């Protein structure tokens, strides 16, 4: 024998189940975004470190490198 109260209980469970599914979907999207942002941040950090190394090398030349561009020229002007 089915009663009216049994039907009410079933209908109340259905929206709760769909809310859980929606919540899990939103959490999974957030997790994907967090992972993607972390990977991008790591790549950018490595790129900044590389740029910093190149700038340090450019601004602090090695002892064997010429200090002025005119010293490194192979064709020196003729002296008159």
PDB file of N, CA and C in Angstrom:
ATOM      1  N   UNK A   1       0.831  -1.165   0.000  1.00  0.00           N
ATOM      2  CA  UNK A   1       0.000   0.000   0.000  1.00  0.00           C
ATOM      3  C   UNK A   1       0.885   1.240   0.000  1.00  0.00           C
ATOM      4  N   UNK A   2       0.702   2.073  -0.970  1.00  0.00           N
ATOM      5  CA  UNK A   2       1.491   3.281  -1.080  1.00  0.00           C
ATOM      6  C   UNK A   2       0.727   4.438  -0.468  1.00  0.00           C
ATOM      7  N   UNK A   3       1.481   5.256   0.207  1.00  0.00           N
ATOM      8  CA  UNK A   3       0.842   6.418   0.824  1.00  0.00           C
ATOM      9  C   UNK A   3       1.370   7.694   0.167  1.00  0.00           C
ATOM     10  N   UNK A   4       0.725   8.755   0.480  1.00  0.00           N
ATOM     11  CA  UNK A   4       1.111  10.049  -0.056  1.00  0.00           C
ATOM     12  C   UNK A   4       2.474  10.485   0.484  1.00  0.00           C
ATOM     13  N   UNK A   5       2.801  10.097   1.718  1.00  0.00           N
ATOM     14  CA  UNK A   5       4.059  10.479   2.337  1.00  0.00           C
ATOM     15  C   UNK A   5       5.254   9.800   1.676  1.00  0.00           C
ATOM     16  N   UNK A   6       5.097   8.605   1.178  1.00  0.00           N
ATOM     17  CA  UNK A   6       6.189   7.903   0.497  1.00  0.00           C
ATOM     18  C   UNK A   6       6.575   8.644  -0.784  1.00  0.00           C
ATOM     19  N   UNK A   7       5.604   9.175  -1.494  1.00  0.00           N
ATOM     20  CA  UNK A   7       5.890   9.934  -2.713  1.00  0.00           C
ATOM     21  C   UNK A   7       6.608  11.238  -2.398  1.00  0.00           C
ATOM     22  N   UNK A   8       6.298  11.865  -1.289  1.00  0.00           N
ATOM     23  CA  UNK A   8       6.947  13.108  -0.911  1.00  0.00           C
ATOM     24  C   UNK A   8       8.427  12.879  -0.582  1.00  0.00           C
ATOM     25  N   UNK A   9       8.735  11.783   0.061  1.00  0.00           N
ATOM     26  CA  UNK A   9      10.121  11.484   0.408  1.00  0.00           C
ATOM     27  C   UNK A   9      10.967  11.280  -0.845  1.00  0.00           C
ATOM     28  N   UNK A  10      10.426  10.606  -1.818  1.00  0.00           N
ATOM     29  CA  UNK A  10      11.172  10.359  -3.056  1.00  0.00           C
ATOM     30  C   UNK A  10      11.438  11.666  -3.804  1.00  0.00           C
ATOM     31  N   UNK A  11      10.467  12.524  -3.862  1.00  0.00           N
ATOM     32  CA  UNK A  11      10.641  13.773  -4.591  1.00  0.00           C
ATOM     33  C   UNK A  11      11.620  14.708  -3.875  1.00  0.00           C
ATOM     34  N   UNK A  12      11.720  14.598  -2.581  1.00  0.00           N
ATOM     35  CA  UNK A  12      12.661  15.439  -1.838  1.00  0.00           C
ATOM     36  C   UNK A  12      14.099  14.975  -2.047  1.00  0.00           C
ATOM     37  N   UNK A  13      14.338  13.724  -2.289  1.00  0.00           N
ATOM     38  CA  UNK A  13      15.692  13.202  -2.469  1.00  0.00           C
ATOM     39  C   UNK A  13      16.259  13.609  -3.832  1.00  0.00           C
ATOM     40  N   UNK A  14      15.459  13.717  -4.813  1.00  0.00           N
ATOM     41  CA  UNK A  14      15.918  13.987  -6.173  1.00  0.00           C
ATOM     42  C   UNK A  14      16.645  15.331  -6.302  1.00  0.00           C
ATOM     43  N   UNK A  15      16.099  16.448  -5.812  1.00  0.00           N
ATOM     44  CA  UNK A  15      16.835  17.707  -5.931  1.00  0.00           C
ATOM     45  C   UNK A  15      18.142  17.696  -5.146  1.00  0.00           C
ATOM     46  N   UNK A  16      18.163  17.018  -4.032  1.00  0.00           N
ATOM     47  CA  UNK A  16      19.396  16.932  -3.245  1.00  0.00           C
ATOM     48  C   UNK A  16      20.479  16.200  -4.008  1.00  0.00           C
ATOM     49  N   UNK A  17      20.127  15.180  -4.753  1.00  0.00           N
ATOM     50  CA  UNK A  17      21.103  14.429  -5.537  1.00  0.00           C
ATOM     51  C   UNK A  17      21.655  15.257  -6.679  1.00  0.00           C
ATOM     52  N   UNK A  18      20.804  16.027  -7.324  1.00  0.00           N
ATOM     53  CA  UNK A  18      21.295  16.850  -8.431  1.00  0.00           C
ATOM     54  C   UNK A  18      22.166  17.997  -7.915  1.00  0.00           C
ATOM     55  N   UNK A  19      21.884  18.487  -6.724  1.00  0.00           N
ATOM     56  CA  UNK A  19      22.719  19.536  -6.148  1.00  0.00           C
ATOM     57  C   UNK A  19      24.124  19.011  -5.877  1.00  0.00           C
ATOM     58  N   UNK A  20      24.218  17.777  -5.443  1.00  0.00           N
ATOM     59  CA  UNK A  20      25.533  17.171  -5.198  1.00  0.00           C
ATOM     60  C   UNK A  20      26.297  17.032  -6.507  1.00  0.00           C
ATOM     61  N   UNK A  21      25.624  16.632  -7.558  1.00  0.00           N
ATOM     62  CA  UNK A  21      26.271  16.489  -8.863  1.00  0.00           C
ATOM     63  C   UNK A  21      26.765  17.850  -9.366  1.00  0.00           C
ATOM     64  N   UNK A  22      25.953  18.869  -9.231  1.00  0.00           N
ATOM     65  CA  UNK A  22      26.352  20.216  -9.662  1.00  0.00           C
ATOM     66  C   UNK A  22      27.535  20.696  -8.835  1.00  0.00           C
ATOM     67  N   UNK A  23      27.504  20.457  -7.539  1.00  0.00           N
ATOM     68  CA  UNK A  23      28.600  20.863  -6.671  1.00  0.00           C
ATOM     69  C   UNK A  23      29.893  20.149  -7.042  1.00  0.00           C
ATOM     70  N   UNK A  24      29.827  18.861  -7.307  1.00  0.00           N
ATOM     71  CA  UNK A  24      31.012  18.111  -7.714  1.00  0.00           C
ATOM     72  C   UNK A  24      31.546  18.604  -9.057  1.00  0.00           C
ATOM     73  N   UNK A  25      30.661  18.955  -9.970  1.00  0.00           N
ATOM     74  CA  UNK A  25      31.090  19.492 -11.266  1.00  0.00           C
ATOM     75  C   UNK A  25      31.812  20.822 -11.082  1.00  0.00           C
ATOM     76  N   UNK A  26      31.270  21.687 -10.249  1.00  0.00           N
ATOM     77  CA  UNK A  26      31.921  22.974  -9.997  1.00  0.00           C
ATOM     78  C   UNK A  26      33.281  22.795  -9.322  1.00  0.00           C
ATOM     79  N   UNK A  27      33.363  21.882  -8.385  1.00  0.00           N
ATOM     80  CA  UNK A  27      34.642  21.621  -7.724  1.00  0.00           C
ATOM     81  C   UNK A  27      35.673  21.069  -8.697  1.00  0.00           C
ATOM     82  N   UNK A  28      35.241  20.207  -9.608  1.00  0.00           N
ATOM     83  CA  UNK A  28      36.188  19.660 -10.579  1.00  0.00           C
ATOM     84  C   UNK A  28      36.678  20.749 -11.538  1.00  0.00           C
ATOM     85  N   UNK A  29      35.798  21.661 -11.946  1.00  0.00           N
ATOM     86  CA  UNK A  29      36.220  22.765 -12.810  1.00  0.00           C
ATOM     87  C   UNK A  29      37.210  23.656 -12.069  1.00  0.00           C
ATOM     88  N   UNK A  30      36.947  23.927 -10.804  1.00  0.00           N
ATOM     89  CA  UNK A  30      37.866  24.744 -10.017  1.00  0.00           C
ATOM     90  C   UNK A  30      39.228  24.064  -9.880  1.00  0.00           C
ATOM     91  N   UNK A  31      39.226  22.752  -9.685  1.00  0.00           N
ATOM     92  CA  UNK A  31      40.471  22.007  -9.560  1.00  0.00           C
ATOM     93  C   UNK A  31      41.279  22.071 -10.852  1.00  0.00           C
ATOM     94  N   UNK A  32      40.608  21.939 -11.998  1.00  0.00           N
ATOM     95  CA  UNK A  32      41.293  22.032 -13.290  1.00  0.00           C
ATOM     96  C   UNK A  32      41.911  23.420 -13.456  1.00  0.00           C
ATOM     97  N   UNK A  33      41.183  24.461 -13.084  1.00  0.00           N
ATOM     98  CA  UNK A  33      41.709  25.824 -13.194  1.00  0.00           C
ATOM     99  C   UNK A  33      42.907  26.044 -12.272  1.00  0.00           C
ATOM    100  N   UNK A  34      42.860  25.502 -11.091  1.00  0.00           N
ATOM    101  CA  UNK A  34      43.969  25.644 -10.147  1.00  0.00           C
ATOM    102  C   UNK A  34      45.219  24.962 -10.696  1.00  0.00           C
ATOM    103  N   UNK A  35      45.052  23.763 -11.237  1.00  0.00           N
ATOM    104  CA  UNK A  35      46.199  23.031 -11.792  1.00  0.00           C
ATOM    105  C   UNK A  35      46.776  23.781 -12.987  1.00  0.00           C
ATOM    106  N   UNK A  36      45.915  24.295 -13.863  1.00  0.00           N
ATOM    107  CA  UNK A  36      46.389  25.034 -15.035  1.00  0.00           C
ATOM    108  C   UNK A  36      47.115  26.309 -14.621  1.00  0.00           C
ATOM    109  N   UNK A  37      46.592  27.020 -13.642  1.00  0.00           N
ATOM    110  CA  UNK A  37      47.244  28.253 -13.176  1.00  0.00           C
ATOM    111  C   UNK A  37      48.584  27.955 -12.516  1.00  0.00           C
ATOM    112  N   UNK A  38      48.669  26.866 -11.788  1.00  0.00           N
ATOM    113  CA  UNK A  38      49.929  26.491 -11.153  1.00  0.00           C
ATOM    114  C   UNK A  38      50.990  26.157 -12.202  1.00  0.00           C
ATOM    115  N   UNK A  39      50.601  25.426 -13.229  1.00  0.00           N
ATOM    116  CA  UNK A  39      51.548  25.090 -14.293  1.00  0.00           C
ATOM    117  C   UNK A  39      52.016  26.348 -15.021  1.00  0.00           C
ATOM    118  N   UNK A  40      51.100  27.259 -15.298  1.00  0.00           N
ATOM    119  CA  UNK A  40      51.466  28.506 -15.967  1.00  0.00           C
ATOM    120  C   UNK A  40      52.387  29.337 -15.091  1.00  0.00           C
ATOM    121  N   UNK A  41      52.112  29.403 -13.820  1.00  0.00           N
ATOM    122  CA  UNK A  41      52.954  30.158 -12.894  1.00  0.00           C
ATOM    123  C   UNK A  41      54.361  29.576 -12.834  1.00  0.00           C
ATOM    124  N   UNK A  42      54.478  28.252 -12.841  1.00  0.00           N
ATOM    125  CA  UNK A  42      55.803  27.624 -12.832  1.00  0.00           C
ATOM    126  C   UNK A  42      56.575  27.953 -14.108  1.00  0.00           C
ATOM    127  N   UNK A  43      55.887  27.908 -15.264  1.00  0.00           N
ATOM    128  CA  UNK A  43      56.553  28.246 -16.522  1.00  0.00           C
ATOM    129  C   UNK A  43      57.010  29.696 -16.538  1.00  0.00           C
ATOM    130  N   UNK A  44      56.178  30.592 -16.052  1.00  0.00           N
ATOM    131  CA  UNK A  44      56.548  32.009 -16.006  1.00  0.00           C
ATOM    132  C   UNK A  44      57.716  32.249 -15.055  1.00  0.00           C
ATOM    133  N   UNK A  45      57.743  31.550 -13.947  1.00  0.00           N
ATOM    134  CA  UNK A  45      58.854  31.684 -12.999  1.00  0.00           C
ATOM    135  C   UNK A  45      60.158  31.256 -13.645  1.00  0.00           C
ATOM    136  N   UNK A  46      60.138  30.135 -14.374  1.00  0.00           N
ATOM    137  CA  UNK A  46      61.342  29.678 -15.060  1.00  0.00           C
ATOM    138  C   UNK A  46      61.779  30.675 -16.124  1.00  0.00           C
ATOM    139  N   UNK A  47      60.831  31.257 -16.827  1.00  0.00           N
ATOM    140  CA  UNK A  47      61.163  32.229 -17.859  1.00  0.00           C
ATOM    141  C   UNK A  47      61.785  33.491 -17.254  1.00  0.00           C
ATOM    142  N   UNK A  48      61.252  33.941 -16.133  1.00  0.00           N
ATOM    143  CA  UNK A  48      61.813  35.121 -15.466  1.00  0.00           C
ATOM    144  C   UNK A  48      63.226  34.829 -14.975  1.00  0.00           C
ATOM    145  N   UNK A  49      63.455  33.638 -14.445  1.00  0.00           N
ATOM    146  CA  UNK A  49      64.798  33.275 -13.991  1.00  0.00           C
ATOM    147  C   UNK A  49      65.775  33.256 -15.160  1.00  0.00           C
ATOM    148  N   UNK A  50      65.342  32.746 -16.299  1.00  0.00           N
ATOM    149  CA  UNK A  50      66.201  32.738 -17.484  1.00  0.00           C
ATOM    150  C   UNK A  50      66.510  34.139 -17.964  1.00  0.00           C
ATOM    151  N   UNK A  51      65.511  35.006 -17.972  1.00  0.00           N
ATOM    152  CA  UNK A  51      65.734  36.390 -18.370  1.00  0.00           C
ATOM    153  C   UNK A  51      66.690  37.082 -17.412  1.00  0.00           C
ATOM    154  N   UNK A  52      66.554  36.805 -16.132  1.00  0.00           N
ATOM    155  CA  UNK A  52      67.435  37.408 -15.142  1.00  0.00           C
ATOM    156  C   UNK A  52      68.876  36.967 -15.356  1.00  0.00           C
ATOM    157  N   UNK A  53      69.085  35.681 -15.661  1.00  0.00           N
ATOM    158  CA  UNK A  53      70.436  35.192 -15.923  1.00  0.00           C
ATOM    159  C   UNK A  53      71.037  35.875 -17.143  1.00  0.00           C
ATOM    160  N   UNK A  54      70.231  36.019 -18.208  1.00  0.00           N
ATOM    161  CA  UNK A  54      70.734  36.658 -19.426  1.00  0.00           C
ATOM    162  C   UNK A  54      71.089  38.125 -19.160  1.00  0.00           C
ATOM    163  N   UNK A  55      70.279  38.806 -18.372  1.00  0.00           N
ATOM    164  CA  UNK A  55      70.579  40.201 -18.059  1.00  0.00           C
ATOM    165  C   UNK A  55      71.829  40.333 -17.204  1.00  0.00           C
ATOM    166  N   UNK A  56      72.003  39.434 -16.266  1.00  0.00           N
ATOM    167  CA  UNK A  56      73.210  39.466 -15.426  1.00  0.00           C
ATOM    168  C   UNK A  56      74.439  39.228 -16.286  1.00  0.00           C
ATOM    169  N   UNK A  57      74.357  38.265 -17.211  1.00  0.00           N
ATOM    170  CA  UNK A  57      75.492  38.003 -18.098  1.00  0.00           C
ATOM    171  C   UNK A  57      75.756  39.194 -19.007  1.00  0.00           C
ATOM    172  N   UNK A  58      74.707  39.854 -19.461  1.00  0.00           N
ATOM    173  CA  UNK A  58      74.878  41.002 -20.354  1.00  0.00           C
ATOM    174  C   UNK A  58      75.484  42.191 -19.607  1.00  0.00           C
ATOM    175  N   UNK A  59      75.061  42.415 -18.377  1.00  0.00           N
ATOM    176  CA  UNK A  59      75.533  43.566 -17.623  1.00  0.00           C
ATOM    177  C   UNK A  59      76.867  43.329 -16.922  1.00  0.00           C
ATOM    178  N   UNK A  60      77.208  42.095 -16.646  1.00  0.00           N
ATOM    179  CA  UNK A  60      78.482  41.753 -16.015  1.00  0.00           C
ATOM    180  C   UNK A  60      79.263  40.871 -16.985  1.00  0.00           C
ATOM    181  N   UNK A  61      79.983  41.463 -17.933  1.00  0.00           N
ATOM    182  CA  UNK A  61      80.708  40.652 -18.916  1.00  0.00           C
ATOM    183  C   UNK A  61      81.853  39.895 -18.257  1.00  0.00           C
ATOM    184  N   UNK A  62      82.269  38.816 -18.903  1.00  0.00           N
ATOM    185  CA  UNK A  62      83.385  38.026 -18.391  1.00  0.00           C
ATOM    186  C   UNK A  62      84.683  38.799 -18.603  1.00  0.00           C
ATOM    187  N   UNK A  63      85.760  38.471 -17.882  1.00  0.00           N
ATOM    188  CA  UNK A  63      87.017  39.218 -18.015  1.00  0.00           C
ATOM    189  C   UNK A  63      87.615  39.143 -19.428  1.00  0.00           C
ATOM    190  N   UNK A  64      87.379  38.108 -20.176  1.00  0.00           N
ATOM    191  CA  UNK A  64      87.962  37.960 -21.504  1.00  0.00           C
ATOM    192  C   UNK A  64      87.186  38.723 -22.568  1.00  0.00           C
ATOM    193  N   UNK A  65      85.975  39.123 -22.274  1.00  0.00           N
ATOM    194  CA  UNK A  65      85.188  39.815 -23.280  1.00  0.00           C
ATOM    195  C   UNK A  65      85.592  41.284 -23.348  1.00  0.00           C
ATOM    196  N   UNK A  66      85.490  41.892 -24.531  1.00  0.00           N
ATOM    197  CA  UNK A  66      85.865  43.304 -24.652  1.00  0.00           C
ATOM    198  C   UNK A  66      84.883  44.202 -23.905  1.00  0.00           C
ATOM    199  N   UNK A  67      85.399  45.302 -23.409  1.00  0.00           N
ATOM    200  CA  UNK A  67      84.546  46.223 -22.662  1.00  0.00           C
ATOM    201  C   UNK A  67      83.874  47.227 -23.576  1.00  0.00           C
ATOM    202  N   UNK A  68      84.523  47.538 -24.699  1.00  0.00           N
ATOM    203  CA  UNK A  68      83.941  48.485 -25.643  1.00  0.00           C
ATOM    204  C   UNK A  68      83.820  47.816 -27.002  1.00  0.00           C
ATOM    205  N   UNK A  69      82.810  48.158 -27.783  1.00  0.00           N
ATOM    206  CA  UNK A  69      82.650  47.543 -29.097  1.00  0.00           C
ATOM    207  C   UNK A  69      83.809  47.847 -30.037  1.00  0.00           C
ATOM    208  N   UNK A  70      84.480  48.991 -29.907  1.00  0.00           N
ATOM    209  CA  UNK A  70      85.570  49.337 -30.816  1.00  0.00           C
ATOM    210  C   UNK A  70      86.777  48.417 -30.623  1.00  0.00           C
ATOM    211  N   UNK A  71      86.943  47.833 -29.450  1.00  0.00           N
ATOM    212  CA  UNK A  71      88.065  46.931 -29.206  1.00  0.00           C
ATOM    213  C   UNK A  71      87.877  45.600 -29.907  1.00  0.00           C
ATOM    214  N   UNK A  72      86.634  45.216 -30.185  1.00  0.00           N
ATOM    215  CA  UNK A  72      86.404  43.908 -30.769  1.00  0.00           C
ATOM    216  C   UNK A  72      86.409  43.961 -32.290  1.00  0.00           C
ATOM    217  N   UNK A  73      86.544  45.119 -32.905  1.00  0.00           N
ATOM    218  CA  UNK A  73      86.532  45.226 -34.358  1.00  0.00           C
ATOM    219  C   UNK A  73      87.787  44.601 -34.935  1.00  0.00           C
ATOM    220  N   UNK A  74      87.626  43.829 -36.008  1.00  0.00           N
ATOM    221  CA  UNK A  74      88.783  43.175 -36.628  1.00  0.00           C
ATOM    222  C   UNK A  74      89.474  44.095 -37.615  1.00  0.00           C
ATOM    223  N   UNK A  75      88.742  44.991 -38.229  1.00  0.00           N
ATOM    224  CA  UNK A  75      89.322  45.933 -39.181  1.00  0.00           C
ATOM    225  C   UNK A  75      89.518  47.279 -38.489  1.00  0.00           C
ATOM    226  N   UNK A  76      90.736  47.520 -38.031  1.00  0.00           N
ATOM    227  CA  UNK A  76      91.040  48.780 -37.372  1.00  0.00           C
ATOM    228  C   UNK A  76      91.245  49.868 -38.429  1.00  0.00           C
ATOM    229  N   UNK A  77      90.825  51.097 -38.163  1.00  0.00           N
ATOM    230  CA  UNK A  77      91.042  52.167 -39.132  1.00  0.00           C
ATOM    231  C   UNK A  77      92.548  52.422 -39.316  1.00  0.00           C
ATOM    232  N   UNK A  78      92.892  52.792 -40.522  1.00  0.00           N
ATOM    233  CA  UNK A  78      94.314  53.067 -40.830  1.00  0.00           C
ATOM    234  C   UNK A  78      94.731  54.382 -40.196  1.00  0.00           C
ATOM    235  N   UNK A  79      95.929  54.400 -39.665  1.00  0.00           N
ATOM    236  CA  UNK A  79      96.467  55.599 -39.032  1.00  0.00           C
ATOM    237  C   UNK A  79      97.162  56.419 -40.120  1.00  0.00           C
ATOM    238  N   UNK A  80      96.903  57.694 -40.239  1.00  0.00           N
ATOM    239  CA  UNK A  80      97.500  58.545 -41.281  1.00  0.00           C
ATOM    240  C   UNK A  80      98.717  59.228 -40.787  1.00  0.00           C
TER     241      UNK A  80
END
